[in-house]
Amino acid sequence: MAKPSAFLKIPKERIGVLIGPEGAVKKGIEEKLKVELQIDSSTGDVTITLTEKAEDPSQLFKAKDVVTAIGRGFSPEHAFRLIRNEDALLDVIDLRDFFGRSESDIRRVKGRIIGMDGKT
């Protein structure tokens, strides 16, 4: 029987952050969520496979959220909050769906959401 898995792509610039110093971030995700990460650093492809040690299939989705968060620019410390806090979730939205395609409108809305120096 095939193991449950998920596939996603993250920017190549974020691969180093996902792996971490001496593989610490990758290893942390794998150990905490009982998954295996296969990372193709030349393309940014990441395959997440649930291991047989996993007790809950939803860990695959948690792992996908953590990898997505790191790929979107979150620090690993902030992304790991998705593991520690059961109430935390990641929801990526496309602002163009709500505010149109105008670059100036998108920049203005991002500025309001992010706030001064990213303090929001």
PDB file of N, CA and C in Angstrom:
ATOM      1  N   MET A   1       0.838  -1.181   0.000  1.00  0.00           N
ATOM      2  CA  MET A   1       0.000   0.000   0.000  1.00  0.00           C
ATOM      3  C   MET A   1       0.884   1.245   0.000  1.00  0.00           C
ATOM      4  N   ALA A   2       0.529   2.220  -0.814  1.00  0.00           N
ATOM      5  CA  ALA A   2       1.305   3.454  -0.907  1.00  0.00           C
ATOM      6  C   ALA A   2       1.135   4.285   0.358  1.00  0.00           C
ATOM      7  N   LYS A   3       2.224   4.895   0.774  1.00  0.00           N
ATOM      8  CA  LYS A   3       2.179   5.746   1.963  1.00  0.00           C
ATOM      9  C   LYS A   3       1.544   7.082   1.590  1.00  0.00           C
ATOM     10  N   PRO A   4       0.720   7.647   2.466  1.00  0.00           N
ATOM     11  CA  PRO A   4       0.148   8.966   2.190  1.00  0.00           C
ATOM     12  C   PRO A   4       1.264   9.997   2.045  1.00  0.00           C
ATOM     13  N   SER A   5       1.134  10.864   1.044  1.00  0.00           N
ATOM     14  CA  SER A   5       2.153  11.884   0.834  1.00  0.00           C
ATOM     15  C   SER A   5       1.527  13.147   0.264  1.00  0.00           C
ATOM     16  N   ALA A   6       2.288  14.216   0.362  1.00  0.00           N
ATOM     17  CA  ALA A   6       1.867  15.509  -0.181  1.00  0.00           C
ATOM     18  C   ALA A   6       3.055  16.103  -0.923  1.00  0.00           C
ATOM     19  N   PHE A   7       2.768  16.873  -1.942  1.00  0.00           N
ATOM     20  CA  PHE A   7       3.803  17.496  -2.762  1.00  0.00           C
ATOM     21  C   PHE A   7       3.572  18.995  -2.784  1.00  0.00           C
ATOM     22  N   LEU A   8       4.638  19.758  -2.632  1.00  0.00           N
ATOM     23  CA  LEU A   8       4.529  21.199  -2.807  1.00  0.00           C
ATOM     24  C   LEU A   8       5.836  21.759  -3.298  1.00  0.00           C
ATOM     25  N   LYS A   9       5.787  22.985  -3.730  1.00  0.00           N
ATOM     26  CA  LYS A   9       6.955  23.662  -4.278  1.00  0.00           C
ATOM     27  C   LYS A   9       7.173  24.922  -3.456  1.00  0.00           C
ATOM     28  N   ILE A  10       8.428  25.150  -3.053  1.00  0.00           N
ATOM     29  CA  ILE A  10       8.751  26.378  -2.344  1.00  0.00           C
ATOM     30  C   ILE A  10       9.871  27.074  -3.109  1.00  0.00           C
ATOM     31  N   PRO A  11      10.039  28.378  -2.908  1.00  0.00           N
ATOM     32  CA  PRO A  11      11.117  29.085  -3.612  1.00  0.00           C
ATOM     33  C   PRO A  11      12.486  28.495  -3.265  1.00  0.00           C
ATOM     34  N   LYS A  12      13.351  28.424  -4.270  1.00  0.00           N
ATOM     35  CA  LYS A  12      14.681  27.843  -4.062  1.00  0.00           C
ATOM     36  C   LYS A  12      15.466  28.591  -2.987  1.00  0.00           C
ATOM     37  N   GLU A  13      15.200  29.897  -2.838  1.00  0.00           N
ATOM     38  CA  GLU A  13      15.903  30.693  -1.822  1.00  0.00           C
ATOM     39  C   GLU A  13      15.557  30.243  -0.410  1.00  0.00           C
ATOM     40  N   ARG A  14      14.435  29.571  -0.244  1.00  0.00           N
ATOM     41  CA  ARG A  14      13.978  29.158   1.091  1.00  0.00           C
ATOM     42  C   ARG A  14      14.364  27.710   1.437  1.00  0.00           C
ATOM     43  N   ILE A  15      14.979  27.012   0.507  1.00  0.00           N
ATOM     44  CA  ILE A  15      15.378  25.621   0.758  1.00  0.00           C
ATOM     45  C   ILE A  15      16.368  25.543   1.920  1.00  0.00           C
ATOM     46  N   GLY A  16      17.333  26.453   1.947  1.00  0.00           N
ATOM     47  CA  GLY A  16      18.321  26.462   3.029  1.00  0.00           C
ATOM     48  C   GLY A  16      17.681  26.655   4.387  1.00  0.00           C
ATOM     49  N   VAL A  17      16.663  27.505   4.452  1.00  0.00           N
ATOM     50  CA  VAL A  17      15.955  27.742   5.714  1.00  0.00           C
ATOM     51  C   VAL A  17      15.182  26.486   6.112  1.00  0.00           C
ATOM     52  N   LEU A  18      14.573  25.822   5.140  1.00  0.00           N
ATOM     53  CA  LEU A  18      13.817  24.600   5.422  1.00  0.00           C
ATOM     54  C   LEU A  18      14.727  23.488   5.951  1.00  0.00           C
ATOM     55  N   ILE A  19      15.903  23.376   5.385  1.00  0.00           N
ATOM     56  CA  ILE A  19      16.839  22.347   5.842  1.00  0.00           C
ATOM     57  C   ILE A  19      17.453  22.749   7.181  1.00  0.00           C
ATOM     58  N   GLY A  20      17.848  24.024   7.303  1.00  0.00           N
ATOM     59  CA  GLY A  20      18.415  24.509   8.558  1.00  0.00           C
ATOM     60  C   GLY A  20      19.873  24.135   8.720  1.00  0.00           C
ATOM     61  N   PRO A  21      20.511  24.712   9.747  1.00  0.00           N
ATOM     62  CA  PRO A  21      21.923  24.406   9.984  1.00  0.00           C
ATOM     63  C   PRO A  21      22.099  22.929  10.349  1.00  0.00           C
ATOM     64  N   GLU A  22      22.930  22.254   9.578  1.00  0.00           N
ATOM     65  CA  GLU A  22      23.192  20.824   9.769  1.00  0.00           C
ATOM     66  C   GLU A  22      21.910  19.985   9.726  1.00  0.00           C
ATOM     67  N   GLY A  23      20.906  20.455   8.986  1.00  0.00           N
ATOM     68  CA  GLY A  23      19.659  19.705   8.822  1.00  0.00           C
ATOM     69  C   GLY A  23      18.731  19.747  10.019  1.00  0.00           C
ATOM     70  N   ALA A  24      18.947  20.704  10.930  1.00  0.00           N
ATOM     71  CA  ALA A  24      18.186  20.738  12.185  1.00  0.00           C
ATOM     72  C   ALA A  24      16.696  20.989  11.975  1.00  0.00           C
ATOM     73  N   VAL A  25      16.338  21.900  11.082  1.00  0.00           N
ATOM     74  CA  VAL A  25      14.921  22.227  10.875  1.00  0.00           C
ATOM     75  C   VAL A  25      14.208  21.040  10.227  1.00  0.00           C
ATOM     76  N   LYS A  26      14.804  20.501   9.188  1.00  0.00           N
ATOM     77  CA  LYS A  26      14.224  19.326   8.511  1.00  0.00           C
ATOM     78  C   LYS A  26      14.056  18.180   9.507  1.00  0.00           C
ATOM     79  N   LYS A  27      15.076  17.924  10.278  1.00  0.00           N
ATOM     80  CA  LYS A  27      15.032  16.839  11.257  1.00  0.00           C
ATOM     81  C   LYS A  27      13.949  17.096  12.310  1.00  0.00           C
ATOM     82  N   GLY A  28      13.811  18.356  12.735  1.00  0.00           N
ATOM     83  CA  GLY A  28      12.785  18.703  13.717  1.00  0.00           C
ATOM     84  C   GLY A  28      11.385  18.428  13.204  1.00  0.00           C
ATOM     85  N   ILE A  29      11.129  18.803  11.953  1.00  0.00           N
ATOM     86  CA  ILE A  29       9.816  18.552  11.350  1.00  0.00           C
ATOM     87  C   ILE A  29       9.572  17.047  11.260  1.00  0.00           C
ATOM     88  N   GLU A  30      10.576  16.326  10.789  1.00  0.00           N
ATOM     89  CA  GLU A  30      10.423  14.878  10.615  1.00  0.00           C
ATOM     90  C   GLU A  30      10.165  14.171  11.947  1.00  0.00           C
ATOM     91  N   GLU A  31      10.891  14.562  12.983  1.00  0.00           N
ATOM     92  CA  GLU A  31      10.737  13.890  14.278  1.00  0.00           C
ATOM     93  C   GLU A  31       9.428  14.249  14.975  1.00  0.00           C
ATOM     94  N   LYS A  32       9.067  15.535  14.939  1.00  0.00           N
ATOM     95  CA  LYS A  32       7.868  15.970  15.657  1.00  0.00           C
ATOM     96  C   LYS A  32       6.584  15.478  15.000  1.00  0.00           C
ATOM     97  N   LEU A  33       6.591  15.403  13.678  1.00  0.00           N
ATOM     98  CA  LEU A  33       5.360  15.051  12.971  1.00  0.00           C
ATOM     99  C   LEU A  33       5.387  13.655  12.363  1.00  0.00           C
ATOM    100  N   LYS A  34       6.462  12.926  12.566  1.00  0.00           N
ATOM    101  CA  LYS A  34       6.571  11.543  12.064  1.00  0.00           C
ATOM    102  C   LYS A  34       6.347  11.474  10.552  1.00  0.00           C
ATOM    103  N   VAL A  35       7.066  12.360   9.848  1.00  0.00           N
ATOM    104  CA  VAL A  35       7.013  12.391   8.391  1.00  0.00           C
ATOM    105  C   VAL A  35       8.438  12.308   7.853  1.00  0.00           C
ATOM    106  N   GLU A  36       8.532  12.094   6.556  1.00  0.00           N
ATOM    107  CA  GLU A  36       9.821  12.124   5.876  1.00  0.00           C
ATOM    108  C   GLU A  36       9.748  13.218   4.819  1.00  0.00           C
ATOM    109  N   LEU A  37      10.755  14.099   4.799  1.00  0.00           N
ATOM    110  CA  LEU A  37      10.818  15.165   3.803  1.00  0.00           C
ATOM    111  C   LEU A  37      11.855  14.804   2.753  1.00  0.00           C
ATOM    112  N   GLN A  38      11.463  14.868   1.497  1.00  0.00           N
ATOM    113  CA  GLN A  38      12.399  14.711   0.387  1.00  0.00           C
ATOM    114  C   GLN A  38      12.432  16.053  -0.323  1.00  0.00           C
ATOM    115  N   ILE A  39      13.602  16.670  -0.341  1.00  0.00           N
ATOM    116  CA  ILE A  39      13.745  18.022  -0.857  1.00  0.00           C
ATOM    117  C   ILE A  39      14.656  18.006  -2.068  1.00  0.00           C
ATOM    118  N   ASP A  40      14.164  18.559  -3.182  1.00  0.00           N
ATOM    119  CA  ASP A  40      14.983  18.722  -4.381  1.00  0.00           C
ATOM    120  C   ASP A  40      15.423  20.177  -4.415  1.00  0.00           C
ATOM    121  N   SER A  41      16.667  20.432  -4.032  1.00  0.00           N
ATOM    122  CA  SER A  41      17.135  21.811  -3.902  1.00  0.00           C
ATOM    123  C   SER A  41      17.301  22.507  -5.248  1.00  0.00           C
ATOM    124  N   SER A  42      17.373  21.766  -6.340  1.00  0.00           N
ATOM    125  CA  SER A  42      17.525  22.410  -7.643  1.00  0.00           C
ATOM    126  C   SER A  42      16.198  22.945  -8.181  1.00  0.00           C
ATOM    127  N   THR A  43      15.077  22.369  -7.754  1.00  0.00           N
ATOM    128  CA  THR A  43      13.773  22.806  -8.263  1.00  0.00           C
ATOM    129  C   THR A  43      12.875  23.425  -7.197  1.00  0.00           C
ATOM    130  N   GLY A  44      13.145  23.144  -5.925  1.00  0.00           N
ATOM    131  CA  GLY A  44      12.278  23.616  -4.851  1.00  0.00           C
ATOM    132  C   GLY A  44      11.123  22.672  -4.562  1.00  0.00           C
ATOM    133  N   ASP A  45      11.155  21.484  -5.161  1.00  0.00           N
ATOM    134  CA  ASP A  45      10.099  20.493  -4.925  1.00  0.00           C
ATOM    135  C   ASP A  45      10.305  19.821  -3.572  1.00  0.00           C
ATOM    136  N   VAL A  46       9.225  19.697  -2.817  1.00  0.00           N
ATOM    137  CA  VAL A  46       9.272  19.037  -1.514  1.00  0.00           C
ATOM    138  C   VAL A  46       8.173  17.978  -1.487  1.00  0.00           C
ATOM    139  N   THR A  47       8.556  16.754  -1.168  1.00  0.00           N
ATOM    140  CA  THR A  47       7.594  15.668  -1.000  1.00  0.00           C
ATOM    141  C   THR A  47       7.580  15.285   0.469  1.00  0.00           C
ATOM    142  N   ILE A  48       6.400  15.286   1.055  1.00  0.00           N
ATOM    143  CA  ILE A  48       6.229  14.943   2.465  1.00  0.00           C
ATOM    144  C   ILE A  48       5.498  13.606   2.512  1.00  0.00           C
ATOM    145  N   THR A  49       6.108  12.633   3.165  1.00  0.00           N
ATOM    146  CA  THR A  49       5.525  11.295   3.255  1.00  0.00           C
ATOM    147  C   THR A  49       5.311  10.935   4.712  1.00  0.00           C
ATOM    148  N   LEU A  50       4.138  10.453   5.020  1.00  0.00           N
ATOM    149  CA  LEU A  50       3.807  10.009   6.373  1.00  0.00           C
ATOM    150  C   LEU A  50       4.532   8.694   6.644  1.00  0.00           C
ATOM    151  N   THR A  51       5.225   8.610   7.775  1.00  0.00           N
ATOM    152  CA  THR A  51       5.928   7.370   8.120  1.00  0.00           C
ATOM    153  C   THR A  51       4.975   6.413   8.832  1.00  0.00           C
ATOM    154  N   GLU A  52       5.422   5.205   9.000  1.00  0.00           N
ATOM    155  CA  GLU A  52       4.594   4.201   9.674  1.00  0.00           C
ATOM    156  C   GLU A  52       4.459   4.482  11.162  1.00  0.00           C
ATOM    157  N   LYS A  53       5.355   5.302  11.714  1.00  0.00           N
ATOM    158  CA  LYS A  53       5.303   5.657  13.135  1.00  0.00           C
ATOM    159  C   LYS A  53       4.204   6.676  13.434  1.00  0.00           C
ATOM    160  N   ALA A  54       3.700   7.329  12.401  1.00  0.00           N
ATOM    161  CA  ALA A  54       2.696   8.377  12.589  1.00  0.00           C
ATOM    162  C   ALA A  54       1.409   7.792  13.155  1.00  0.00           C
ATOM    163  N   GLU A  55       0.902   8.447  14.185  1.00  0.00           N
ATOM    164  CA  GLU A  55      -0.324   7.987  14.835  1.00  0.00           C
ATOM    165  C   GLU A  55      -1.567   8.633  14.240  1.00  0.00           C
ATOM    166  N   ASP A  56      -1.394   9.833  13.697  1.00  0.00           N
ATOM    167  CA  ASP A  56      -2.533  10.605  13.211  1.00  0.00           C
ATOM    168  C   ASP A  56      -2.261  11.068  11.780  1.00  0.00           C
ATOM    169  N   PRO A  57      -3.110  10.710  10.828  1.00  0.00           N
ATOM    170  CA  PRO A  57      -2.893  11.123   9.440  1.00  0.00           C
ATOM    171  C   PRO A  57      -2.891  12.638   9.243  1.00  0.00           C
ATOM    172  N   SER A  58      -3.500  13.381  10.169  1.00  0.00           N
ATOM    173  CA  SER A  58      -3.529  14.838  10.023  1.00  0.00           C
ATOM    174  C   SER A  58      -2.137  15.449  10.187  1.00  0.00           C
ATOM    175  N   GLN A  59      -1.176  14.669  10.685  1.00  0.00           N
ATOM    176  CA  GLN A  59       0.190  15.172  10.811  1.00  0.00           C
ATOM    177  C   GLN A  59       0.777  15.508   9.443  1.00  0.00           C
ATOM    178  N   LEU A  60       0.321  14.826   8.412  1.00  0.00           N
ATOM    179  CA  LEU A  60       0.771  15.124   7.055  1.00  0.00           C
ATOM    180  C   LEU A  60       0.377  16.550   6.676  1.00  0.00           C
ATOM    181  N   PHE A  61      -0.842  16.951   7.026  1.00  0.00           N
ATOM    182  CA  PHE A  61      -1.315  18.298   6.702  1.00  0.00           C
ATOM    183  C   PHE A  61      -0.609  19.352   7.547  1.00  0.00           C
ATOM    184  N   LYS A  62      -0.325  19.021   8.813  1.00  0.00           N
ATOM    185  CA  LYS A  62       0.432  19.937   9.674  1.00  0.00           C
ATOM    186  C   LYS A  62       1.817  20.166   9.085  1.00  0.00           C
ATOM    187  N   ALA A  63       2.458  19.073   8.643  1.00  0.00           N
ATOM    188  CA  ALA A  63       3.791  19.181   8.052  1.00  0.00           C
ATOM    189  C   ALA A  63       3.746  20.037   6.790  1.00  0.00           C
ATOM    190  N   LYS A  64       2.705  19.857   5.998  1.00  0.00           N
ATOM    191  CA  LYS A  64       2.560  20.658   4.777  1.00  0.00           C
ATOM    192  C   LYS A  64       2.408  22.137   5.129  1.00  0.00           C
ATOM    193  N   ASP A  65       1.638  22.444   6.170  1.00  0.00           N
ATOM    194  CA  ASP A  65       1.481  23.833   6.607  1.00  0.00           C
ATOM    195  C   ASP A  65       2.801  24.419   7.089  1.00  0.00           C
ATOM    196  N   VAL A  66       3.580  23.643   7.841  1.00  0.00           N
ATOM    197  CA  VAL A  66       4.864  24.130   8.353  1.00  0.00           C
ATOM    198  C   VAL A  66       5.817  24.413   7.194  1.00  0.00           C
ATOM    199  N   VAL A  67       5.907  23.502   6.235  1.00  0.00           N
ATOM    200  CA  VAL A  67       6.789  23.695   5.078  1.00  0.00           C
ATOM    201  C   VAL A  67       6.318  24.887   4.248  1.00  0.00           C
ATOM    202  N   THR A  68       5.016  25.017   4.058  1.00  0.00           N
ATOM    203  CA  THR A  68       4.474  26.159   3.317  1.00  0.00           C
ATOM    204  C   THR A  68       4.810  27.466   4.017  1.00  0.00           C
ATOM    205  N   ALA A  69       4.654  27.507   5.336  1.00  0.00           N
ATOM    206  CA  ALA A  69       4.960  28.719   6.097  1.00  0.00           C
ATOM    207  C   ALA A  69       6.423  29.110   5.932  1.00  0.00           C
ATOM    208  N   ILE A  70       7.319  28.145   6.038  1.00  0.00           N
ATOM    209  CA  ILE A  70       8.746  28.439   5.862  1.00  0.00           C
ATOM    210  C   ILE A  70       9.002  28.907   4.437  1.00  0.00           C
ATOM    211  N   GLY A  71       8.365  28.278   3.467  1.00  0.00           N
ATOM    212  CA  GLY A  71       8.508  28.682   2.073  1.00  0.00           C
ATOM    213  C   GLY A  71       7.984  30.080   1.796  1.00  0.00           C
ATOM    214  N   ARG A  72       7.002  30.521   2.569  1.00  0.00           N
ATOM    215  CA  ARG A  72       6.414  31.854   2.401  1.00  0.00           C
ATOM    216  C   ARG A  72       7.145  32.935   3.183  1.00  0.00           C
ATOM    217  N   GLY A  73       8.186  32.546   3.933  1.00  0.00           N
ATOM    218  CA  GLY A  73       8.994  33.559   4.603  1.00  0.00           C
ATOM    219  C   GLY A  73       8.968  33.537   6.114  1.00  0.00           C
ATOM    220  N   PHE A  74       8.186  32.650   6.715  1.00  0.00           N
ATOM    221  CA  PHE A  74       8.177  32.549   8.173  1.00  0.00           C
ATOM    222  C   PHE A  74       9.504  31.962   8.637  1.00  0.00           C
ATOM    223  N   SER A  75       9.945  32.368   9.809  1.00  0.00           N
ATOM    224  CA  SER A  75      11.118  31.729  10.401  1.00  0.00           C
ATOM    225  C   SER A  75      10.689  30.343  10.876  1.00  0.00           C
ATOM    226  N   PRO A  76      11.624  29.405  10.962  1.00  0.00           N
ATOM    227  CA  PRO A  76      11.250  28.079  11.468  1.00  0.00           C
ATOM    228  C   PRO A  76      10.623  28.141  12.861  1.00  0.00           C
ATOM    229  N   GLU A  77      11.098  29.049  13.711  1.00  0.00           N
ATOM    230  CA  GLU A  77      10.539  29.172  15.061  1.00  0.00           C
ATOM    231  C   GLU A  77       9.060  29.527  15.009  1.00  0.00           C
ATOM    232  N   HIS A  78       8.700  30.474  14.142  1.00  0.00           N
ATOM    233  CA  HIS A  78       7.289  30.844  14.004  1.00  0.00           C
ATOM    234  C   HIS A  78       6.487  29.715  13.351  1.00  0.00           C
ATOM    235  N   ALA A  79       7.074  29.045  12.372  1.00  0.00           N
ATOM    236  CA  ALA A  79       6.365  27.952  11.693  1.00  0.00           C
ATOM    237  C   ALA A  79       6.102  26.791  12.649  1.00  0.00           C
ATOM    238  N   PHE A  80       7.020  26.544  13.585  1.00  0.00           N
ATOM    239  CA  PHE A  80       6.832  25.449  14.544  1.00  0.00           C
ATOM    240  C   PHE A  80       5.682  25.719  15.506  1.00  0.00           C
ATOM    241  N   ARG A  81       5.222  26.954  15.583  1.00  0.00           N
ATOM    242  CA  ARG A  81       4.036  27.247  16.406  1.00  0.00           C
ATOM    243  C   ARG A  81       2.817  26.493  15.883  1.00  0.00           C
ATOM    244  N   LEU A  82       2.812  26.204  14.593  1.00  0.00           N
ATOM    245  CA  LEU A  82       1.706  25.443  14.003  1.00  0.00           C
ATOM    246  C   LEU A  82       1.664  24.021  14.561  1.00  0.00           C
ATOM    247  N   ILE A  83       2.814  23.523  15.003  1.00  0.00           N
ATOM    248  CA  ILE A  83       2.873  22.181  15.588  1.00  0.00           C
ATOM    249  C   ILE A  83       2.469  22.234  17.057  1.00  0.00           C
ATOM    250  N   ARG A  84       3.033  23.207  17.770  1.00  0.00           N
ATOM    251  CA  ARG A  84       2.821  23.277  19.220  1.00  0.00           C
ATOM    252  C   ARG A  84       1.401  23.680  19.597  1.00  0.00           C
ATOM    253  N   ASN A  85       0.800  24.556  18.817  1.00  0.00           N
ATOM    254  CA  ASN A  85      -0.508  25.104  19.154  1.00  0.00           C
ATOM    255  C   ASN A  85      -1.583  24.461  18.271  1.00  0.00           C
ATOM    256  N   GLU A  86      -2.442  23.680  18.855  1.00  0.00           N
ATOM    257  CA  GLU A  86      -3.503  22.991  18.111  1.00  0.00           C
ATOM    258  C   GLU A  86      -4.472  23.962  17.434  1.00  0.00           C
ATOM    259  N   ASP A  87      -4.631  25.156  18.005  1.00  0.00           N
ATOM    260  CA  ASP A  87      -5.572  26.129  17.456  1.00  0.00           C
ATOM    261  C   ASP A  87      -4.979  26.945  16.312  1.00  0.00           C
ATOM    262  N   ALA A  88      -3.669  26.861  16.110  1.00  0.00           N
ATOM    263  CA  ALA A  88      -3.012  27.641  15.060  1.00  0.00           C
ATOM    264  C   ALA A  88      -3.190  26.947  13.716  1.00  0.00           C
ATOM    265  N   LEU A  89      -3.415  27.756  12.685  1.00  0.00           N
ATOM    266  CA  LEU A  89      -3.492  27.218  11.341  1.00  0.00           C
ATOM    267  C   LEU A  89      -2.941  28.229  10.361  1.00  0.00           C
ATOM    268  N   LEU A  90      -2.570  27.753   9.203  1.00  0.00           N
ATOM    269  CA  LEU A  90      -2.017  28.600   8.156  1.00  0.00           C
ATOM    270  C   LEU A  90      -3.039  28.686   7.038  1.00  0.00           C
ATOM    271  N   ASP A  91      -3.370  29.896   6.662  1.00  0.00           N
ATOM    272  CA  ASP A  91      -4.295  30.114   5.556  1.00  0.00           C
ATOM    273  C   ASP A  91      -3.664  31.139   4.629  1.00  0.00           C
ATOM    274  N   VAL A  92      -3.239  30.719   3.458  1.00  0.00           N
ATOM    275  CA  VAL A  92      -2.605  31.604   2.485  1.00  0.00           C
ATOM    276  C   VAL A  92      -3.696  32.131   1.567  1.00  0.00           C
ATOM    277  N   ILE A  93      -3.795  33.443   1.496  1.00  0.00           N
ATOM    278  CA  ILE A  93      -4.808  34.047   0.627  1.00  0.00           C
ATOM    279  C   ILE A  93      -4.122  34.886  -0.442  1.00  0.00           C
ATOM    280  N   ASP A  94      -4.758  34.978  -1.579  1.00  0.00           N
ATOM    281  CA  ASP A  94      -4.260  35.806  -2.671  1.00  0.00           C
ATOM    282  C   ASP A  94      -4.997  37.138  -2.593  1.00  0.00           C
ATOM    283  N   LEU A  95      -4.277  38.185  -2.245  1.00  0.00           N
ATOM    284  CA  LEU A  95      -4.902  39.500  -2.081  1.00  0.00           C
ATOM    285  C   LEU A  95      -5.539  39.993  -3.373  1.00  0.00           C
ATOM    286  N   ARG A  96      -5.056  39.520  -4.517  1.00  0.00           N
ATOM    287  CA  ARG A  96      -5.633  39.948  -5.794  1.00  0.00           C
ATOM    288  C   ARG A  96      -7.087  39.505  -5.927  1.00  0.00           C
ATOM    289  N   ASP A  97      -7.458  38.428  -5.238  1.00  0.00           N
ATOM    290  CA  ASP A  97      -8.849  37.971  -5.278  1.00  0.00           C
ATOM    291  C   ASP A  97      -9.786  38.970  -4.608  1.00  0.00           C
ATOM    292  N   PHE A  98      -9.262  39.753  -3.680  1.00  0.00           N
ATOM    293  CA  PHE A  98     -10.089  40.684  -2.916  1.00  0.00           C
ATOM    294  C   PHE A  98      -9.909  42.139  -3.332  1.00  0.00           C
ATOM    295  N   PHE A  99      -8.711  42.491  -3.805  1.00  0.00           N
ATOM    296  CA  PHE A  99      -8.409  43.899  -4.052  1.00  0.00           C
ATOM    297  C   PHE A  99      -8.006  44.200  -5.482  1.00  0.00           C
ATOM    298  N   GLY A 100      -8.176  43.266  -6.402  1.00  0.00           N
ATOM    299  CA  GLY A 100      -7.846  43.509  -7.794  1.00  0.00           C
ATOM    300  C   GLY A 100      -6.365  43.312  -8.075  1.00  0.00           C
ATOM    301  N   ARG A 101      -5.984  43.658  -9.279  1.00  0.00           N
ATOM    302  CA  ARG A 101      -4.618  43.383  -9.723  1.00  0.00           C
ATOM    303  C   ARG A 101      -3.718  44.613  -9.692  1.00  0.00           C
ATOM    304  N   SER A 102      -4.216  45.726  -9.247  1.00  0.00           N
ATOM    305  CA  SER A 102      -3.417  46.948  -9.216  1.00  0.00           C
ATOM    306  C   SER A 102      -2.266  46.805  -8.217  1.00  0.00           C
ATOM    307  N   GLU A 103      -1.031  46.989  -8.717  1.00  0.00           N
ATOM    308  CA  GLU A 103       0.151  46.872  -7.850  1.00  0.00           C
ATOM    309  C   GLU A 103       0.094  47.863  -6.695  1.00  0.00           C
ATOM    310  N   SER A 104      -0.363  49.080  -6.971  1.00  0.00           N
ATOM    311  CA  SER A 104      -0.403  50.088  -5.901  1.00  0.00           C
ATOM    312  C   SER A 104      -1.423  49.706  -4.824  1.00  0.00           C
ATOM    313  N   ASP A 105      -2.565  49.153  -5.231  1.00  0.00           N
ATOM    314  CA  ASP A 105      -3.563  48.713  -4.248  1.00  0.00           C
ATOM    315  C   ASP A 105      -3.027  47.555  -3.402  1.00  0.00           C
ATOM    316  N   ILE A 106      -2.377  46.605  -4.054  1.00  0.00           N
ATOM    317  CA  ILE A 106      -1.820  45.456  -3.332  1.00  0.00           C
ATOM    318  C   ILE A 106      -0.750  45.929  -2.348  1.00  0.00           C
ATOM    319  N   ARG A 107       0.123  46.820  -2.780  1.00  0.00           N
ATOM    320  CA  ARG A 107       1.178  47.350  -1.907  1.00  0.00           C
ATOM    321  C   ARG A 107       0.571  48.069  -0.699  1.00  0.00           C
ATOM    322  N   ARG A 108      -0.478  48.851  -0.934  1.00  0.00           N
ATOM    323  CA  ARG A 108      -1.142  49.586   0.142  1.00  0.00           C
ATOM    324  C   ARG A 108      -1.761  48.625   1.158  1.00  0.00           C
ATOM    325  N   VAL A 109      -2.457  47.607   0.674  1.00  0.00           N
ATOM    326  CA  VAL A 109      -3.106  46.642   1.561  1.00  0.00           C
ATOM    327  C   VAL A 109      -2.061  45.840   2.335  1.00  0.00           C
ATOM    328  N   LYS A 110      -0.995  45.419   1.664  1.00  0.00           N
ATOM    329  CA  LYS A 110       0.078  44.697   2.361  1.00  0.00           C
ATOM    330  C   LYS A 110       0.663  45.561   3.470  1.00  0.00           C
ATOM    331  N   GLY A 111       0.853  46.832   3.184  1.00  0.00           N
ATOM    332  CA  GLY A 111       1.382  47.748   4.199  1.00  0.00           C
ATOM    333  C   GLY A 111       0.468  47.842   5.404  1.00  0.00           C
ATOM    334  N   ARG A 112      -0.819  47.844   5.175  1.00  0.00           N
ATOM    335  CA  ARG A 112      -1.774  47.904   6.293  1.00  0.00           C
ATOM    336  C   ARG A 112      -1.796  46.599   7.087  1.00  0.00           C
ATOM    337  N   ILE A 113      -1.690  45.484   6.388  1.00  0.00           N
ATOM    338  CA  ILE A 113      -1.705  44.185   7.077  1.00  0.00           C
ATOM    339  C   ILE A 113      -0.413  43.979   7.863  1.00  0.00           C
ATOM    340  N   ILE A 114       0.710  44.233   7.231  1.00  0.00           N
ATOM    341  CA  ILE A 114       2.010  43.973   7.854  1.00  0.00           C
ATOM    342  C   ILE A 114       2.316  45.007   8.925  1.00  0.00           C
ATOM    343  N   GLY A 115       1.964  46.247   8.681  1.00  0.00           N
ATOM    344  CA  GLY A 115       2.203  47.293   9.673  1.00  0.00           C
ATOM    345  C   GLY A 115       3.626  47.824   9.623  1.00  0.00           C
ATOM    346  N   MET A 116       3.895  48.776  10.495  1.00  0.00           N
ATOM    347  CA  MET A 116       5.205  49.417  10.557  1.00  0.00           C
ATOM    348  C   MET A 116       6.248  48.409  11.033  1.00  0.00           C
ATOM    349  N   ASP A 117       7.269  48.191  10.247  1.00  0.00           N
ATOM    350  CA  ASP A 117       8.357  47.260  10.570  1.00  0.00           C
ATOM    351  C   ASP A 117       7.857  45.844  10.839  1.00  0.00           C
ATOM    352  N   GLY A 118       6.731  45.460  10.266  1.00  0.00           N
ATOM    353  CA  GLY A 118       6.218  44.099  10.429  1.00  0.00           C
ATOM    354  C   GLY A 118       5.728  43.780  11.824  1.00  0.00           C
ATOM    355  N   LYS A 119       5.281  44.788  12.557  1.00  0.00           N
ATOM    356  CA  LYS A 119       4.895  44.595  13.959  1.00  0.00           C
ATOM    357  C   LYS A 119       3.446  44.157  14.152  1.00  0.00           C
ATOM    358  N   THR A 120       2.658  44.077  13.097  1.00  0.00           N
ATOM    359  CA  THR A 120       1.255  43.712  13.267  1.00  0.00           C
ATOM    360  C   THR A 120       1.089  42.243  13.534  1.00  0.00           C
TER     361      THR A 120
END
